[in-house]
Structures are given as C-alpha cells and as structure tokens.
Amino acid sequence: MLTVNGLPDDVLRIEGLHTRFRTEEGEIRPVRGVDLAIGRGEIVGLVGESGSGKSVTAHSIMRLIPRNGTIAAGRIAFGGIDLVRASEGEMRRIRGNGISMIFQEPMTSLNPVIRIGDQIAELLELHRGMRRRQALGEALGLLERVGIADPASRLGGFAHEMSGGQRQRVMIAMALACRPQLIVADEPTTALDVTIQAQILDLLRELSADYETAMLLITHDLAVVAETAARVAVMYAGQIVEIASVEEVFGAALHPYTQGLMRSMPRLDEERPADRMLPAIPGAVPSAASLPVGCAFQTRCPEVHERCRRAEPPLAEVHPRHFARCWLHAR
C-alpha cells in the first residue's frame, strides 16, 4: 500500500510513524501517525509552529532521538531497508552516506578543534573509502561547489574563524560529500540574515537539481517553503494536517490551521492600515502530554463543531494529491 502521495520510486516513505518519550510527568507523544513520501530529486517542505513535531520527525528518520524516546510504531522505508528496525550498524552506514542532515546551528554541529578540511575528509574516508590526499582534494572541490571564498585556505581553518553563512555552506558541503539520496535540512537558515538566507536557499535548490538529491526541508517560515519546495506538508500537534503542492496549499488551503498560517503572512500586494495587526491564530499548540480528545486543533479552530470534540479526523484525499485532516472535508 502506498503512503500519502506515495509513488513507486520514492526515496523515502514514512508510514504511521509514532514517536514517544518517557518523562517525569508521564509519556508524551510528539509524533502521532505521520505519513509522508519524498520522490527522487524532490524538495518537500515540512512546516508548523514550534512544538508541532517537525524536528522529532527528522530525528526519528535519522534514528537520533534521545535515550528516553522510542519509535513506538510505524515504518520508515529507505533503499529497501526499514530504518525503524535497522541495526545500529546499518544506521551508521546510512547516516552521512545515504541520508545526510543539515542542522540549524552549524557552530554546534562542527567540531571546534578539528580543521574544516579534516572534518569533510573523514566522511569521505569512512563512507567512500578514499585515502587522505584524495579526500582532501575532494573536500576542496566541495567547498568550491558550495561557494566558499578562498576554499584552499578554509580547508586548514576552524569553524570559529568563519561567518554563520560560511559555516552553513560547510555543513551543506559535508551533507553532499557522499552524494546522499536524501538530505534532511532542519531549519537550515534560521540563524542567518535574509541576504545570506536567500543565497543558501538558492544553493540548496541548485544542488538538489544537479545531484537529483531529495530533500526534506523543515522550517517554520512559509516564505522559505514557497521559494524552495515543490510540495508542502503542514504539521500540527504531532500530525500532518495538510499536504499538497506548494501552489495548492498557498492558493487554496483546506485545513483551518493552514488557512490561519496563510492569513498571518504579510502580503506586499495588500495595503494594511498602520494600526491594524496581522491576524494571529489564538492560543498555542497543545502540550504533547495533554492532547484533547478528538481533533487537536479544536481549541483554536474557528470552524469547530461537536464532531471535532468526539473523534479524531482522518487524513483524507480531498482533491487529487491534496490531503487534509479535517472533518469539514472528510467523506
């Protein structure tokens, strides 16, 4: 059975993913039944407010969740392997090789006491079997490819000697080093100013097209998704509540939560009085430890009715390849 928007040649296919954590207050469920598929060379945006479960989904794909967490159910299919049930040895071979990850703050991801060239070369030696001289030559080419100025001198430098944009380019070079089939980019432009952010997004699009690398782009910024992704999945309280092409979601959103996100975006083609604020979604994402019965969005939804408080809506295909989790559209 194909998952949501699934196709036979999908690089990654997530089916019914549930991730849970044990805490002093009891068990919490930050990811609840996620279904998602990503095709070869496709960029899929995963958006939602803080606390919606985006990063936990990414870490579940990489099997990098903390020790108090567990993937309780579901399947993550990649290259004929179910990552949920793969051994740790198999995951070590996949991480950085088949699947790479770009983190939102490269300063905490790059080793501060190891030279940049050595960090990239280590990946190439480990996963591609290169000798040190060959690996350093390849590292130089990667730094050139991602637009690092004076790449030869940067090979022997350290992370603290570089700007935030340069460090993020190094992280992208490392992610590309082994020509992965999939890159998971977790808020890759959050700490950057808008000019550098635009350059990084252009680079990610270009590299994805050149190498046919699939990408899961995790962000809270709808503008980033509009500029970069082909499809977008909207996440709320651990579930995907809407998924479709960027054009459909931005032009005709179906879920009240997605509609609220769209209304909160400033528009350059619309005049707004100086004394009128942008509309905001009232309330906050419910805690994963105390989710309401029924639809998780019910306490913030302008369209709520009695059925929403009794039962959780399914993720239904309302239009071809346009899915929404809402009783307004369930058949």
C-alpha atoms as a PDB file:
ATOM      1  CA  MET A   1       0.000   0.000   0.000  1.00  0.00           C
ATOM      2  CA  LEU A   2       1.340   3.441  -0.906  1.00  0.00           C
ATOM      3  CA  THR A   3       1.572   6.082   1.759  1.00  0.00           C
ATOM      4  CA  VAL A   4       0.244   9.628   1.379  1.00  0.00           C
ATOM      5  CA  ASN A   5       1.286  10.960  -2.030  1.00  0.00           C
ATOM      6  CA  GLY A   6       3.463   7.846  -2.405  1.00  0.00           C
ATOM      7  CA  LEU A   7       4.886   6.735  -5.735  1.00  0.00           C
ATOM      8  CA  PRO A   8       6.767   3.520  -6.605  1.00  0.00           C
ATOM      9  CA  ASP A   9      10.156   5.304  -6.939  1.00  0.00           C
ATOM     10  CA  ASP A  10      10.017   7.248  -3.671  1.00  0.00           C
ATOM     11  CA  VAL A  11      13.384   7.725  -1.974  1.00  0.00           C
ATOM     12  CA  LEU A  12      11.790   7.830   1.490  1.00  0.00           C
ATOM     13  CA  ARG A  13       8.414   6.567   2.597  1.00  0.00           C
ATOM     14  CA  ILE A  14       7.113   7.073   6.144  1.00  0.00           C
ATOM     15  CA  GLU A  15       4.022   5.141   7.192  1.00  0.00           C
ATOM     16  CA  GLY A  16       2.187   5.508  10.521  1.00  0.00           C
ATOM     17  CA  LEU A  17       5.161   6.874  12.461  1.00  0.00           C
ATOM     18  CA  HIS A  18       4.664   7.235  16.220  1.00  0.00           C
ATOM     19  CA  THR A  19       7.479   8.532  18.442  1.00  0.00           C
ATOM     20  CA  ARG A  20       7.098   8.733  22.216  1.00  0.00           C
ATOM     21  CA  PHE A  21       9.149   9.997  25.150  1.00  0.00           C
ATOM     22  CA  ARG A  22       9.152   8.954  28.811  1.00  0.00           C
ATOM     23  CA  THR A  23       9.228  11.939  31.164  1.00  0.00           C
ATOM     24  CA  GLU A  24       8.738  12.544  34.883  1.00  0.00           C
ATOM     25  CA  GLU A  25       5.197  13.703  34.076  1.00  0.00           C
ATOM     26  CA  GLY A  26       4.471  10.527  32.104  1.00  0.00           C
ATOM     27  CA  GLU A  27       4.585   9.553  28.442  1.00  0.00           C
ATOM     28  CA  ILE A  28       4.338  12.231  25.743  1.00  0.00           C
ATOM     29  CA  ARG A  29       3.592  11.700  22.038  1.00  0.00           C
ATOM     30  CA  PRO A  30       5.228  14.402  19.893  1.00  0.00           C
ATOM     31  CA  VAL A  31       4.792  12.400  16.653  1.00  0.00           C
ATOM     32  CA  ARG A  32       1.461  10.641  16.110  1.00  0.00           C
ATOM     33  CA  GLY A  33       0.860   8.669  12.933  1.00  0.00           C
ATOM     34  CA  VAL A  34       2.912  10.626  10.386  1.00  0.00           C
ATOM     35  CA  ASP A  35       2.646   9.522   6.725  1.00  0.00           C
ATOM     36  CA  LEU A  36       4.955  11.139   4.177  1.00  0.00           C
ATOM     37  CA  ALA A  37       6.765  10.244   0.956  1.00  0.00           C
ATOM     38  CA  ILE A  38       9.586  12.041  -0.889  1.00  0.00           C
ATOM     39  CA  GLY A  39      10.492  11.334  -4.514  1.00  0.00           C
ATOM     40  CA  ARG A  40      13.886  11.416  -6.209  1.00  0.00           C
ATOM     41  CA  GLY A  41      15.131  14.993  -6.588  1.00  0.00           C
ATOM     42  CA  GLU A  42      12.031  16.375  -4.871  1.00  0.00           C
ATOM     43  CA  ILE A  43      12.095  19.071  -2.181  1.00  0.00           C
ATOM     44  CA  VAL A  44       9.286  18.691   0.362  1.00  0.00           C
ATOM     45  CA  GLY A  45       8.713  21.375   2.980  1.00  0.00           C
ATOM     46  CA  LEU A  46       7.583  20.408   6.484  1.00  0.00           C
ATOM     47  CA  VAL A  47       6.120  23.440   8.269  1.00  0.00           C
ATOM     48  CA  GLY A  48       4.404  24.203  11.549  1.00  0.00           C
ATOM     49  CA  GLU A  49       4.769  26.134  14.792  1.00  0.00           C
ATOM     50  CA  SER A  50       7.388  25.290  17.396  1.00  0.00           C
ATOM     51  CA  GLY A  51       6.303  22.165  19.259  1.00  0.00           C
ATOM     52  CA  SER A  52       4.419  20.663  16.312  1.00  0.00           C
ATOM     53  CA  GLY A  53       6.799  17.674  15.997  1.00  0.00           C
ATOM     54  CA  LYS A  54       8.877  18.645  12.943  1.00  0.00           C
ATOM     55  CA  SER A  55      12.322  18.119  14.439  1.00  0.00           C
ATOM     56  CA  VAL A  56      11.303  14.935  16.257  1.00  0.00           C
ATOM     57  CA  THR A  57      10.146  13.562  12.897  1.00  0.00           C
ATOM     58  CA  ALA A  58      13.555  14.430  11.397  1.00  0.00           C
ATOM     59  CA  HIS A  59      15.446  12.843  14.274  1.00  0.00           C
ATOM     60  CA  SER A  60      13.242   9.746  14.030  1.00  0.00           C
ATOM     61  CA  ILE A  61      14.230   9.351  10.360  1.00  0.00           C
ATOM     62  CA  MET A  62      17.904   9.510  11.378  1.00  0.00           C
ATOM     63  CA  ARG A  63      17.299   7.377  14.498  1.00  0.00           C
ATOM     64  CA  LEU A  64      18.867  10.136  16.600  1.00  0.00           C
ATOM     65  CA  ILE A  65      16.169  10.515  19.261  1.00  0.00           C
ATOM     66  CA  PRO A  66      17.282  10.750  22.930  1.00  0.00           C
ATOM     67  CA  ARG A  67      17.504   7.677  25.120  1.00  0.00           C
ATOM     68  CA  ASN A  68      14.196   8.397  26.828  1.00  0.00           C
ATOM     69  CA  GLY A  69      12.474   8.241  23.425  1.00  0.00           C
ATOM     70  CA  THR A  70      11.333   5.364  21.275  1.00  0.00           C
ATOM     71  CA  ILE A  71       9.743   4.845  17.884  1.00  0.00           C
ATOM     72  CA  ALA A  72       6.635   3.058  19.115  1.00  0.00           C
ATOM     73  CA  ALA A  73       5.103   2.166  15.745  1.00  0.00           C
ATOM     74  CA  GLY A  74       5.395   2.741  12.032  1.00  0.00           C
ATOM     75  CA  ARG A  75       7.748   2.165   9.132  1.00  0.00           C
ATOM     76  CA  ILE A  76      10.431   4.343   7.508  1.00  0.00           C
ATOM     77  CA  ALA A  77      11.367   2.762   4.171  1.00  0.00           C
ATOM     78  CA  PHE A  78      14.658   3.827   2.599  1.00  0.00           C
ATOM     79  CA  GLY A  79      16.570   1.871  -0.040  1.00  0.00           C
ATOM     80  CA  GLY A  80      14.761  -1.363   0.751  1.00  0.00           C
ATOM     81  CA  ILE A  81      15.504  -1.018   4.487  1.00  0.00           C
ATOM     82  CA  ASP A  82      13.036  -0.209   7.249  1.00  0.00           C
ATOM     83  CA  LEU A  83      15.009   2.314   9.309  1.00  0.00           C
ATOM     84  CA  VAL A  84      12.811   1.680  12.350  1.00  0.00           C
ATOM     85  CA  ARG A  85      14.035  -1.904  12.552  1.00  0.00           C
ATOM     86  CA  ALA A  86      17.559  -1.458  11.140  1.00  0.00           C
ATOM     87  CA  SER A  87      20.511  -2.345  13.355  1.00  0.00           C
ATOM     88  CA  GLU A  88      22.751   0.404  14.702  1.00  0.00           C
ATOM     89  CA  GLY A  89      25.494  -0.816  12.355  1.00  0.00           C
ATOM     90  CA  GLU A  90      23.194  -0.358   9.365  1.00  0.00           C
ATOM     91  CA  MET A  91      22.238   3.121  10.578  1.00  0.00           C
ATOM     92  CA  ARG A  92      25.900   4.144  10.900  1.00  0.00           C
ATOM     93  CA  ARG A  93      26.407   3.163   7.249  1.00  0.00           C
ATOM     94  CA  ILE A  94      23.306   5.125   6.179  1.00  0.00           C
ATOM     95  CA  ARG A  95      23.891   8.315   8.178  1.00  0.00           C
ATOM     96  CA  GLY A  96      26.059  10.711   6.205  1.00  0.00           C
ATOM     97  CA  ASN A  97      26.102   8.309   3.274  1.00  0.00           C
ATOM     98  CA  GLY A  98      22.561   7.503   2.103  1.00  0.00           C
ATOM     99  CA  ILE A  99      20.913  10.205   4.246  1.00  0.00           C
ATOM    100  CA  SER A 100      22.625  13.410   5.397  1.00  0.00           C
ATOM    101  CA  MET A 101      21.362  16.016   7.812  1.00  0.00           C
ATOM    102  CA  ILE A 102      21.893  19.787   7.901  1.00  0.00           C
ATOM    103  CA  PHE A 103      21.281  21.287  11.339  1.00  0.00           C
ATOM    104  CA  GLN A 104      20.044  24.800  12.066  1.00  0.00           C
ATOM    105  CA  GLU A 105      23.112  25.941  14.035  1.00  0.00           C
ATOM    106  CA  PRO A 106      26.351  24.776  12.379  1.00  0.00           C
ATOM    107  CA  MET A 107      28.529  26.119  15.198  1.00  0.00           C
ATOM    108  CA  THR A 108      27.198  23.379  17.475  1.00  0.00           C
ATOM    109  CA  SER A 109      27.468  20.722  14.730  1.00  0.00           C
ATOM    110  CA  LEU A 110      31.015  21.389  13.506  1.00  0.00           C
ATOM    111  CA  ASN A 111      33.856  20.255  15.757  1.00  0.00           C
ATOM    112  CA  PRO A 112      35.572  23.436  17.020  1.00  0.00           C
ATOM    113  CA  VAL A 113      39.035  21.828  17.436  1.00  0.00           C
ATOM    114  CA  ILE A 114      39.253  19.939  14.120  1.00  0.00           C
ATOM    115  CA  ARG A 115      40.121  21.700  10.871  1.00  0.00           C
ATOM    116  CA  ILE A 116      37.321  22.052   8.333  1.00  0.00           C
ATOM    117  CA  GLY A 117      39.165  20.014   5.687  1.00  0.00           C
ATOM    118  CA  ASP A 118      39.757  17.143   8.111  1.00  0.00           C
ATOM    119  CA  GLN A 119      36.076  17.023   9.094  1.00  0.00           C
ATOM    120  CA  ILE A 120      34.976  16.691   5.458  1.00  0.00           C
ATOM    121  CA  ALA A 121      37.815  14.283   4.592  1.00  0.00           C
ATOM    122  CA  GLU A 122      36.875  11.998   7.492  1.00  0.00           C
ATOM    123  CA  LEU A 123      33.426  11.469   5.954  1.00  0.00           C
ATOM    124  CA  LEU A 124      34.924  10.634   2.569  1.00  0.00           C
ATOM    125  CA  GLU A 125      37.437   8.204   4.068  1.00  0.00           C
ATOM    126  CA  LEU A 126      34.777   6.472   6.162  1.00  0.00           C
ATOM    127  CA  HIS A 127      31.972   6.166   3.601  1.00  0.00           C
ATOM    128  CA  ARG A 128      33.710   6.328   0.212  1.00  0.00           C
ATOM    129  CA  GLY A 129      36.986   4.579   1.088  1.00  0.00           C
ATOM    130  CA  MET A 130      39.202   7.447  -0.090  1.00  0.00           C
ATOM    131  CA  ARG A 131      42.796   7.939   1.017  1.00  0.00           C
ATOM    132  CA  ARG A 132      43.576  11.139   2.901  1.00  0.00           C
ATOM    133  CA  ARG A 133      45.132  13.039  -0.033  1.00  0.00           C
ATOM    134  CA  GLN A 134      42.233  12.145  -2.340  1.00  0.00           C
ATOM    135  CA  ALA A 135      39.703  13.008   0.363  1.00  0.00           C
ATOM    136  CA  LEU A 136      41.235  16.444   0.940  1.00  0.00           C
ATOM    137  CA  GLY A 137      41.171  17.098  -2.805  1.00  0.00           C
ATOM    138  CA  GLU A 138      37.500  16.166  -2.910  1.00  0.00           C
ATOM    139  CA  ALA A 139      36.849  18.367   0.133  1.00  0.00           C
ATOM    140  CA  LEU A 140      38.431  21.310  -1.702  1.00  0.00           C
ATOM    141  CA  GLY A 141      36.132  20.708  -4.674  1.00  0.00           C
ATOM    142  CA  LEU A 142      33.082  20.562  -2.371  1.00  0.00           C
ATOM    143  CA  LEU A 143      33.952  23.879  -0.733  1.00  0.00           C
ATOM    144  CA  GLU A 144      34.294  25.419  -4.196  1.00  0.00           C
ATOM    145  CA  ARG A 145      30.954  23.911  -5.223  1.00  0.00           C
ATOM    146  CA  VAL A 146      29.085  25.498  -2.316  1.00  0.00           C
ATOM    147  CA  GLY A 147      30.595  28.930  -2.970  1.00  0.00           C
ATOM    148  CA  ILE A 148      33.185  29.231  -0.198  1.00  0.00           C
ATOM    149  CA  ALA A 149      35.622  32.058  -0.996  1.00  0.00           C
ATOM    150  CA  ASP A 150      39.306  31.036  -0.970  1.00  0.00           C
ATOM    151  CA  PRO A 151      38.472  27.355  -0.292  1.00  0.00           C
ATOM    152  CA  ALA A 152      42.121  26.264  -0.088  1.00  0.00           C
ATOM    153  CA  SER A 153      42.751  28.408   2.977  1.00  0.00           C
ATOM    154  CA  ARG A 154      39.445  27.380   4.552  1.00  0.00           C
ATOM    155  CA  LEU A 155      40.480  23.717   4.434  1.00  0.00           C
ATOM    156  CA  GLY A 156      43.046  24.406   7.133  1.00  0.00           C
ATOM    157  CA  GLY A 157      40.836  26.741   9.153  1.00  0.00           C
ATOM    158  CA  PHE A 158      38.434  26.229  12.047  1.00  0.00           C
ATOM    159  CA  ALA A 159      34.703  26.856  12.389  1.00  0.00           C
ATOM    160  CA  HIS A 160      35.093  29.873  14.712  1.00  0.00           C
ATOM    161  CA  GLU A 161      37.089  31.668  12.011  1.00  0.00           C
ATOM    162  CA  MET A 162      34.123  31.657   9.631  1.00  0.00           C
ATOM    163  CA  SER A 163      30.864  33.603   9.431  1.00  0.00           C
ATOM    164  CA  GLY A 164      27.487  31.960  10.032  1.00  0.00           C
ATOM    165  CA  GLY A 165      26.768  31.768   6.296  1.00  0.00           C
ATOM    166  CA  GLN A 166      30.159  30.195   5.577  1.00  0.00           C
ATOM    167  CA  ARG A 167      29.681  27.625   8.337  1.00  0.00           C
ATOM    168  CA  GLN A 168      26.297  26.710   6.907  1.00  0.00           C
ATOM    169  CA  ARG A 169      27.907  26.256   3.481  1.00  0.00           C
ATOM    170  CA  VAL A 170      30.453  23.925   5.086  1.00  0.00           C
ATOM    171  CA  MET A 171      27.577  21.907   6.580  1.00  0.00           C
ATOM    172  CA  ILE A 172      25.991  21.674   3.125  1.00  0.00           C
ATOM    173  CA  ALA A 173      29.328  20.538   1.662  1.00  0.00           C
ATOM    174  CA  MET A 174      29.539  17.827   4.316  1.00  0.00           C
ATOM    175  CA  ALA A 175      25.953  16.784   3.625  1.00  0.00           C
ATOM    176  CA  LEU A 176      26.783  16.412  -0.080  1.00  0.00           C
ATOM    177  CA  ALA A 177      30.148  14.698   0.414  1.00  0.00           C
ATOM    178  CA  CYS A 178      28.873  11.154  -0.096  1.00  0.00           C
ATOM    179  CA  ARG A 179      26.253  12.051  -2.727  1.00  0.00           C
ATOM    180  CA  PRO A 180      23.297  11.046  -0.500  1.00  0.00           C
ATOM    181  CA  GLN A 181      19.905  10.161  -1.890  1.00  0.00           C
ATOM    182  CA  LEU A 182      18.213  12.288   0.780  1.00  0.00           C
ATOM    183  CA  ILE A 183      19.117  15.399   2.780  1.00  0.00           C
ATOM    184  CA  VAL A 184      17.141  16.287   5.901  1.00  0.00           C
ATOM    185  CA  ALA A 185      17.558  20.048   6.432  1.00  0.00           C
ATOM    186  CA  ASP A 186      16.305  21.092   9.882  1.00  0.00           C
ATOM    187  CA  GLU A 187      15.775  24.882   9.903  1.00  0.00           C
ATOM    188  CA  PRO A 188      18.975  25.421   7.844  1.00  0.00           C
ATOM    189  CA  THR A 189      18.582  29.208   7.520  1.00  0.00           C
ATOM    190  CA  THR A 190      17.125  30.219  10.898  1.00  0.00           C
ATOM    191  CA  ALA A 191      20.268  31.878  12.300  1.00  0.00           C
ATOM    192  CA  LEU A 192      21.131  33.733   9.078  1.00  0.00           C
ATOM    193  CA  ASP A 193      20.228  37.211   7.869  1.00  0.00           C
ATOM    194  CA  VAL A 194      17.823  37.463   4.933  1.00  0.00           C
ATOM    195  CA  THR A 195      20.503  38.043   2.280  1.00  0.00           C
ATOM    196  CA  ILE A 196      22.563  35.006   3.295  1.00  0.00           C
ATOM    197  CA  GLN A 197      19.351  33.010   3.757  1.00  0.00           C
ATOM    198  CA  ALA A 198      18.378  33.669   0.132  1.00  0.00           C
ATOM    199  CA  GLN A 199      21.826  32.558  -1.037  1.00  0.00           C
ATOM    200  CA  ILE A 200      21.633  29.328   0.977  1.00  0.00           C
ATOM    201  CA  LEU A 201      18.150  28.540  -0.361  1.00  0.00           C
ATOM    202  CA  ASP A 202      19.308  29.149  -3.936  1.00  0.00           C
ATOM    203  CA  LEU A 203      22.255  26.837  -3.302  1.00  0.00           C
ATOM    204  CA  LEU A 204      20.055  24.068  -1.875  1.00  0.00           C
ATOM    205  CA  ARG A 205      17.709  24.229  -4.881  1.00  0.00           C
ATOM    206  CA  GLU A 206      20.599  24.183  -7.320  1.00  0.00           C
ATOM    207  CA  LEU A 207      22.375  21.263  -5.654  1.00  0.00           C
ATOM    208  CA  SER A 208      19.167  19.245  -5.352  1.00  0.00           C
ATOM    209  CA  ALA A 209      18.564  19.661  -9.093  1.00  0.00           C
ATOM    210  CA  ASP A 210      22.186  18.941 -10.077  1.00  0.00           C
ATOM    211  CA  TYR A 211      22.564  15.777  -7.990  1.00  0.00           C
ATOM    212  CA  GLU A 212      18.890  14.634  -8.066  1.00  0.00           C
ATOM    213  CA  THR A 213      19.016  14.647  -4.284  1.00  0.00           C
ATOM    214  CA  ALA A 214      15.691  14.510  -2.447  1.00  0.00           C
ATOM    215  CA  MET A 215      15.296  16.938   0.430  1.00  0.00           C
ATOM    216  CA  LEU A 216      13.059  17.285   3.468  1.00  0.00           C
ATOM    217  CA  LEU A 217      13.174  20.990   4.349  1.00  0.00           C
ATOM    218  CA  ILE A 218      11.952  21.626   7.894  1.00  0.00           C
ATOM    219  CA  THR A 219      11.032  25.198   8.744  1.00  0.00           C
ATOM    220  CA  HIS A 220       8.511  27.439  10.484  1.00  0.00           C
ATOM    221  CA  ASP A 221       8.885  30.021   7.700  1.00  0.00           C
ATOM    222  CA  LEU A 222       6.264  29.734   4.970  1.00  0.00           C
ATOM    223  CA  ALA A 223       8.219  32.099   2.724  1.00  0.00           C
ATOM    224  CA  VAL A 224      11.159  29.666   2.719  1.00  0.00           C
ATOM    225  CA  VAL A 225       8.859  26.852   1.601  1.00  0.00           C
ATOM    226  CA  ALA A 226       7.262  28.994  -1.112  1.00  0.00           C
ATOM    227  CA  GLU A 227      10.685  29.781  -2.582  1.00  0.00           C
ATOM    228  CA  THR A 228      12.215  26.327  -2.331  1.00  0.00           C
ATOM    229  CA  ALA A 229       9.840  23.346  -2.147  1.00  0.00           C
ATOM    230  CA  ALA A 230       7.616  21.575  -4.662  1.00  0.00           C
ATOM    231  CA  ARG A 231       5.252  20.125  -2.054  1.00  0.00           C
ATOM    232  CA  VAL A 232       4.483  21.140   1.490  1.00  0.00           C
ATOM    233  CA  ALA A 233       3.281  19.157   4.493  1.00  0.00           C
ATOM    234  CA  VAL A 234       1.751  21.161   7.344  1.00  0.00           C
ATOM    235  CA  MET A 235       2.266  19.667  10.806  1.00  0.00           C
ATOM    236  CA  TYR A 236       0.297  20.321  13.980  1.00  0.00           C
ATOM    237  CA  ALA A 237       0.452  18.582  17.375  1.00  0.00           C
ATOM    238  CA  GLY A 238       2.437  15.639  16.037  1.00  0.00           C
ATOM    239  CA  GLN A 239       0.330  15.014  12.922  1.00  0.00           C
ATOM    240  CA  ILE A 240       0.357  16.114   9.299  1.00  0.00           C
ATOM    241  CA  VAL A 241      -2.880  18.052   8.856  1.00  0.00           C
ATOM    242  CA  GLU A 242      -2.477  19.027   5.189  1.00  0.00           C
ATOM    243  CA  ILE A 243      -0.218  18.057   2.296  1.00  0.00           C
ATOM    244  CA  ALA A 244      -0.259  19.123  -1.339  1.00  0.00           C
ATOM    245  CA  SER A 245       1.761  21.040  -3.908  1.00  0.00           C
ATOM    246  CA  VAL A 246       3.010  24.454  -2.822  1.00  0.00           C
ATOM    247  CA  GLU A 247       0.670  26.089  -5.349  1.00  0.00           C
ATOM    248  CA  GLU A 248      -2.408  24.324  -3.953  1.00  0.00           C
ATOM    249  CA  VAL A 249      -1.585  24.934  -0.300  1.00  0.00           C
ATOM    250  CA  PHE A 250      -0.732  28.600  -0.812  1.00  0.00           C
ATOM    251  CA  GLY A 251      -3.586  29.195  -3.242  1.00  0.00           C
ATOM    252  CA  ALA A 252      -6.390  27.068  -1.764  1.00  0.00           C
ATOM    253  CA  ALA A 253      -5.545  25.771   1.711  1.00  0.00           C
ATOM    254  CA  LEU A 254      -8.166  23.377   3.112  1.00  0.00           C
ATOM    255  CA  HIS A 255      -7.354  22.970   6.811  1.00  0.00           C
ATOM    256  CA  PRO A 256      -8.326  25.825   9.176  1.00  0.00           C
ATOM    257  CA  TYR A 257      -4.837  25.714  10.710  1.00  0.00           C
ATOM    258  CA  THR A 258      -3.140  26.138   7.318  1.00  0.00           C
ATOM    259  CA  GLN A 259      -5.580  28.936   6.465  1.00  0.00           C
ATOM    260  CA  GLY A 260      -4.643  30.664   9.732  1.00  0.00           C
ATOM    261  CA  LEU A 261      -0.950  30.396   8.914  1.00  0.00           C
ATOM    262  CA  MET A 262      -1.582  31.913   5.483  1.00  0.00           C
ATOM    263  CA  ARG A 263      -3.558  34.835   6.936  1.00  0.00           C
ATOM    264  CA  SER A 264      -0.722  35.598   9.348  1.00  0.00           C
ATOM    265  CA  MET A 265       1.737  36.158   6.490  1.00  0.00           C
ATOM    266  CA  PRO A 266       2.301  39.795   5.448  1.00  0.00           C
ATOM    267  CA  ARG A 267       1.414  40.487   1.798  1.00  0.00           C
ATOM    268  CA  LEU A 268       3.148  43.054  -0.378  1.00  0.00           C
ATOM    269  CA  ASP A 269       0.157  43.295  -2.727  1.00  0.00           C
ATOM    270  CA  GLU A 270      -2.250  44.264   0.067  1.00  0.00           C
ATOM    271  CA  GLU A 271      -2.438  47.575   1.880  1.00  0.00           C
ATOM    272  CA  ARG A 272      -2.850  47.291   5.642  1.00  0.00           C
ATOM    273  CA  PRO A 273      -3.562  50.242   7.937  1.00  0.00           C
ATOM    274  CA  ALA A 274      -0.674  51.019  10.281  1.00  0.00           C
ATOM    275  CA  ASP A 275      -2.899  50.473  13.331  1.00  0.00           C
ATOM    276  CA  ARG A 276      -4.128  47.048  12.209  1.00  0.00           C
ATOM    277  CA  MET A 277      -2.126  43.992  13.236  1.00  0.00           C
ATOM    278  CA  LEU A 278      -1.748  40.853  11.153  1.00  0.00           C
ATOM    279  CA  PRO A 279      -4.320  38.239  12.210  1.00  0.00           C
ATOM    280  CA  ALA A 280      -2.916  35.566  14.510  1.00  0.00           C
ATOM    281  CA  ILE A 281      -4.131  32.092  15.424  1.00  0.00           C
ATOM    282  CA  PRO A 282      -5.361  32.315  19.034  1.00  0.00           C
ATOM    283  CA  GLY A 283      -3.897  30.077  21.722  1.00  0.00           C
ATOM    284  CA  ALA A 284      -0.921  27.745  21.394  1.00  0.00           C
ATOM    285  CA  VAL A 285      -0.069  24.224  20.216  1.00  0.00           C
ATOM    286  CA  PRO A 286      -1.334  21.852  22.943  1.00  0.00           C
ATOM    287  CA  SER A 287       1.226  20.018  25.049  1.00  0.00           C
ATOM    288  CA  ALA A 288       2.099  16.528  23.792  1.00  0.00           C
ATOM    289  CA  ALA A 289       1.379  15.369  27.356  1.00  0.00           C
ATOM    290  CA  SER A 290      -2.229  16.617  27.429  1.00  0.00           C
ATOM    291  CA  LEU A 291      -3.781  16.392  23.986  1.00  0.00           C
ATOM    292  CA  PRO A 292      -7.563  16.842  23.794  1.00  0.00           C
ATOM    293  CA  VAL A 293      -9.945  14.071  22.734  1.00  0.00           C
ATOM    294  CA  GLY A 294     -10.827  14.444  19.057  1.00  0.00           C
ATOM    295  CA  CYS A 295      -9.163  16.991  16.788  1.00  0.00           C
ATOM    296  CA  ALA A 296      -6.018  18.511  18.329  1.00  0.00           C
ATOM    297  CA  PHE A 297      -6.798  21.914  16.744  1.00  0.00           C
ATOM    298  CA  GLN A 298     -10.306  22.176  18.236  1.00  0.00           C
ATOM    299  CA  THR A 299      -9.487  24.772  20.927  1.00  0.00           C
ATOM    300  CA  ARG A 300      -8.102  27.214  18.331  1.00  0.00           C
ATOM    301  CA  CYS A 301     -10.321  26.470  15.344  1.00  0.00           C
ATOM    302  CA  PRO A 302     -12.960  28.961  14.136  1.00  0.00           C
ATOM    303  CA  GLU A 303     -14.840  26.100  12.406  1.00  0.00           C
ATOM    304  CA  VAL A 304     -15.037  23.717  15.390  1.00  0.00           C
ATOM    305  CA  HIS A 305     -18.222  21.687  15.887  1.00  0.00           C
ATOM    306  CA  GLU A 306     -19.335  18.830  18.115  1.00  0.00           C
ATOM    307  CA  ARG A 307     -17.864  16.030  15.996  1.00  0.00           C
ATOM    308  CA  CYS A 308     -14.409  17.630  16.320  1.00  0.00           C
ATOM    309  CA  ARG A 309     -14.578  17.121  20.094  1.00  0.00           C
ATOM    310  CA  ARG A 310     -15.593  13.467  19.866  1.00  0.00           C
ATOM    311  CA  ALA A 311     -13.327  11.879  17.254  1.00  0.00           C
ATOM    312  CA  GLU A 312     -10.023  12.488  15.539  1.00  0.00           C
ATOM    313  CA  PRO A 313     -10.423  13.203  11.805  1.00  0.00           C
ATOM    314  CA  PRO A 314      -8.557  11.045   9.247  1.00  0.00           C
ATOM    315  CA  LEU A 315      -6.104  12.428   6.686  1.00  0.00           C
ATOM    316  CA  ALA A 316      -8.339  12.309   3.612  1.00  0.00           C
ATOM    317  CA  GLU A 317      -7.634  12.946  -0.077  1.00  0.00           C
ATOM    318  CA  VAL A 318      -9.999  15.852  -0.793  1.00  0.00           C
ATOM    319  CA  HIS A 319      -8.662  16.588  -4.297  1.00  0.00           C
ATOM    320  CA  PRO A 320      -6.142  14.529  -6.311  1.00  0.00           C
ATOM    321  CA  ARG A 321      -2.894  14.520  -4.259  1.00  0.00           C
ATOM    322  CA  HIS A 322      -4.284  17.159  -1.889  1.00  0.00           C
ATOM    323  CA  PHE A 323      -4.869  15.730   1.600  1.00  0.00           C
ATOM    324  CA  ALA A 324      -6.374  17.356   4.696  1.00  0.00           C
ATOM    325  CA  ARG A 325      -7.084  16.124   8.253  1.00  0.00           C
ATOM    326  CA  CYS A 326     -10.369  17.876   8.996  1.00  0.00           C
ATOM    327  CA  TRP A 327     -13.998  16.821   9.462  1.00  0.00           C
ATOM    328  CA  LEU A 328     -15.022  19.654   7.119  1.00  0.00           C
ATOM    329  CA  HIS A 329     -13.530  17.615   4.246  1.00  0.00           C
ATOM    330  CA  ALA A 330     -13.770  14.002   5.439  1.00  0.00           C
ATOM    331  CA  ARG A 331     -16.074  11.768   3.390  1.00  0.00           C
END
